[in-house]
């Protein structure tokens, strides 16, 4: 494609590839075809997926526990600041 064609396509808002051919990224399948698998391969895939799900669940649970700890610590610090401010007001000497 010439520079003039590229500029023209860009001006009209068309894609610059212009050849109409899909981009090929390889033969890797996103999801395995279960119809082509035997029972042992399906069972192995199931076990692999279950293990992956359990790993992700544990990771999410750890993250949630950490978030809860951080929120509890923030709340504790805020209560302490409020208490400290009240104590400081009580002990503050009046200005005459």
C-alpha atoms as a PDB file:
ATOM      1  CA  UNK A   1       0.000   0.000   0.000  1.00  0.00           C
ATOM      2  CA  UNK A   2       1.381   3.408  -0.889  1.00  0.00           C
ATOM      3  CA  UNK A   3       1.790   6.301   1.520  1.00  0.00           C
ATOM      4  CA  UNK A   4      -0.999   8.154  -0.269  1.00  0.00           C
ATOM      5  CA  UNK A   5      -3.368   5.198   0.219  1.00  0.00           C
ATOM      6  CA  UNK A   6      -2.415   4.930   3.895  1.00  0.00           C
ATOM      7  CA  UNK A   7      -3.078   8.644   4.449  1.00  0.00           C
ATOM      8  CA  UNK A   8      -6.368   8.430   2.559  1.00  0.00           C
ATOM      9  CA  UNK A   9      -7.519   5.411   4.599  1.00  0.00           C
ATOM     10  CA  UNK A  10      -6.475   7.143   7.817  1.00  0.00           C
ATOM     11  CA  UNK A  11      -8.403  10.289   6.837  1.00  0.00           C
ATOM     12  CA  UNK A  12     -11.558   8.239   6.202  1.00  0.00           C
ATOM     13  CA  UNK A  13     -11.171   6.295   9.461  1.00  0.00           C
ATOM     14  CA  UNK A  14     -10.563   2.961   7.761  1.00  0.00           C
ATOM     15  CA  UNK A  15      -8.114   0.364   9.077  1.00  0.00           C
ATOM     16  CA  UNK A  16      -4.625   0.762   7.682  1.00  0.00           C
ATOM     17  CA  UNK A  17      -4.156  -2.920   6.883  1.00  0.00           C
ATOM     18  CA  UNK A  18      -6.720  -2.771   4.104  1.00  0.00           C
ATOM     19  CA  UNK A  19      -5.924  -6.194   2.721  1.00  0.00           C
ATOM     20  CA  UNK A  20      -9.005  -7.854   4.226  1.00  0.00           C
ATOM     21  CA  UNK A  21      -7.066 -10.937   5.359  1.00  0.00           C
ATOM     22  CA  UNK A  22      -7.399 -12.014   8.972  1.00  0.00           C
ATOM     23  CA  UNK A  23      -4.276 -11.927  11.103  1.00  0.00           C
ATOM     24  CA  UNK A  24      -3.068 -15.422  11.958  1.00  0.00           C
ATOM     25  CA  UNK A  25      -1.633 -15.837  15.440  1.00  0.00           C
ATOM     26  CA  UNK A  26      -0.707 -19.503  15.323  1.00  0.00           C
ATOM     27  CA  UNK A  27      -2.448 -22.817  15.756  1.00  0.00           C
ATOM     28  CA  UNK A  28      -2.744 -22.679  19.537  1.00  0.00           C
ATOM     29  CA  UNK A  29      -6.289 -23.434  20.619  1.00  0.00           C
ATOM     30  CA  UNK A  30      -7.919 -21.286  23.258  1.00  0.00           C
ATOM     31  CA  UNK A  31     -10.083 -24.158  24.456  1.00  0.00           C
ATOM     32  CA  UNK A  32      -9.287 -27.805  23.825  1.00  0.00           C
ATOM     33  CA  UNK A  33     -11.707 -29.731  21.637  1.00  0.00           C
ATOM     34  CA  UNK A  34     -13.280 -32.292  23.967  1.00  0.00           C
ATOM     35  CA  UNK A  35     -14.626 -34.247  20.999  1.00  0.00           C
ATOM     36  CA  UNK A  36     -11.070 -35.121  19.999  1.00  0.00           C
ATOM     37  CA  UNK A  37     -10.008 -36.196  23.509  1.00  0.00           C
ATOM     38  CA  UNK A  38     -10.288 -39.600  25.115  1.00  0.00           C
ATOM     39  CA  UNK A  39     -11.630 -40.103  28.652  1.00  0.00           C
ATOM     40  CA  UNK A  40      -8.219 -40.052  30.343  1.00  0.00           C
ATOM     41  CA  UNK A  41      -7.323 -36.744  28.648  1.00  0.00           C
ATOM     42  CA  UNK A  42     -10.658 -35.242  29.690  1.00  0.00           C
ATOM     43  CA  UNK A  43     -10.117 -36.423  33.278  1.00  0.00           C
ATOM     44  CA  UNK A  44      -6.605 -34.939  33.307  1.00  0.00           C
ATOM     45  CA  UNK A  45      -7.916 -31.652  31.926  1.00  0.00           C
ATOM     46  CA  UNK A  46     -10.684 -31.619  34.552  1.00  0.00           C
ATOM     47  CA  UNK A  47      -8.144 -32.187  37.336  1.00  0.00           C
ATOM     48  CA  UNK A  48      -5.912 -29.444  35.956  1.00  0.00           C
ATOM     49  CA  UNK A  49      -8.791 -26.978  35.774  1.00  0.00           C
ATOM     50  CA  UNK A  50     -10.000 -27.861  39.284  1.00  0.00           C
ATOM     51  CA  UNK A  51      -6.482 -27.365  40.647  1.00  0.00           C
ATOM     52  CA  UNK A  52      -6.213 -24.021  38.877  1.00  0.00           C
ATOM     53  CA  UNK A  53      -9.579 -22.910  40.268  1.00  0.00           C
ATOM     54  CA  UNK A  54      -8.575 -23.921  43.793  1.00  0.00           C
ATOM     55  CA  UNK A  55      -5.265 -22.056  43.474  1.00  0.00           C
ATOM     56  CA  UNK A  56      -7.084 -18.915  42.342  1.00  0.00           C
ATOM     57  CA  UNK A  57      -9.646 -19.234  45.146  1.00  0.00           C
ATOM     58  CA  UNK A  58      -6.883 -19.481  47.752  1.00  0.00           C
ATOM     59  CA  UNK A  59      -5.121 -16.489  46.249  1.00  0.00           C
ATOM     60  CA  UNK A  60      -8.305 -14.425  46.303  1.00  0.00           C
ATOM     61  CA  UNK A  61      -9.007 -15.507  49.879  1.00  0.00           C
ATOM     62  CA  UNK A  62      -5.511 -14.418  50.961  1.00  0.00           C
ATOM     63  CA  UNK A  63      -5.982 -11.069  49.226  1.00  0.00           C
ATOM     64  CA  UNK A  64      -9.362 -10.581  50.920  1.00  0.00           C
ATOM     65  CA  UNK A  65      -7.896 -11.435  54.328  1.00  0.00           C
ATOM     66  CA  UNK A  66      -5.067  -8.949  53.773  1.00  0.00           C
ATOM     67  CA  UNK A  67      -7.562  -6.254  52.746  1.00  0.00           C
ATOM     68  CA  UNK A  68      -9.644  -6.931  55.860  1.00  0.00           C
ATOM     69  CA  UNK A  69      -6.532  -6.652  58.050  1.00  0.00           C
ATOM     70  CA  UNK A  70      -5.601  -3.344  56.421  1.00  0.00           C
ATOM     71  CA  UNK A  71      -9.127  -1.979  56.844  1.00  0.00           C
ATOM     72  CA  UNK A  72      -9.206  -3.037  60.500  1.00  0.00           C
ATOM     73  CA  UNK A  73      -5.839  -1.358  61.090  1.00  0.00           C
ATOM     74  CA  UNK A  74      -7.061   1.857  59.393  1.00  0.00           C
ATOM     75  CA  UNK A  75     -10.215   1.840  61.536  1.00  0.00           C
ATOM     76  CA  UNK A  76      -8.143   1.269  64.695  1.00  0.00           C
ATOM     77  CA  UNK A  77      -5.813   4.148  63.808  1.00  0.00           C
ATOM     78  CA  UNK A  78      -8.752   6.455  63.076  1.00  0.00           C
ATOM     79  CA  UNK A  79     -10.343   5.631  66.435  1.00  0.00           C
ATOM     80  CA  UNK A  80      -7.019   6.276  68.154  1.00  0.00           C
ATOM     81  CA  UNK A  81      -6.682   9.666  66.392  1.00  0.00           C
ATOM     82  CA  UNK A  82     -10.202  10.629  67.452  1.00  0.00           C
ATOM     83  CA  UNK A  83      -9.532   9.556  71.038  1.00  0.00           C
ATOM     84  CA  UNK A  84      -6.209  11.429  71.069  1.00  0.00           C
ATOM     85  CA  UNK A  85      -7.870  14.588  69.713  1.00  0.00           C
ATOM     86  CA  UNK A  86     -10.543  14.384  72.431  1.00  0.00           C
ATOM     87  CA  UNK A  87      -7.911  13.853  75.125  1.00  0.00           C
ATOM     88  CA  UNK A  88      -5.907  16.793  73.839  1.00  0.00           C
ATOM     89  CA  UNK A  89      -9.015  18.986  73.960  1.00  0.00           C
ATOM     90  CA  UNK A  90      -9.734  17.916  77.536  1.00  0.00           C
ATOM     91  CA  UNK A  91      -6.205  18.652  78.716  1.00  0.00           C
ATOM     92  CA  UNK A  92      -5.794  21.885  76.780  1.00  0.00           C
ATOM     93  CA  UNK A  93      -5.387  24.839  79.067  1.00  0.00           C
ATOM     94  CA  UNK A  94      -7.738  27.734  78.444  1.00  0.00           C
ATOM     95  CA  UNK A  95      -6.136  30.849  77.007  1.00  0.00           C
ATOM     96  CA  UNK A  96      -6.754  33.865  79.223  1.00  0.00           C
END
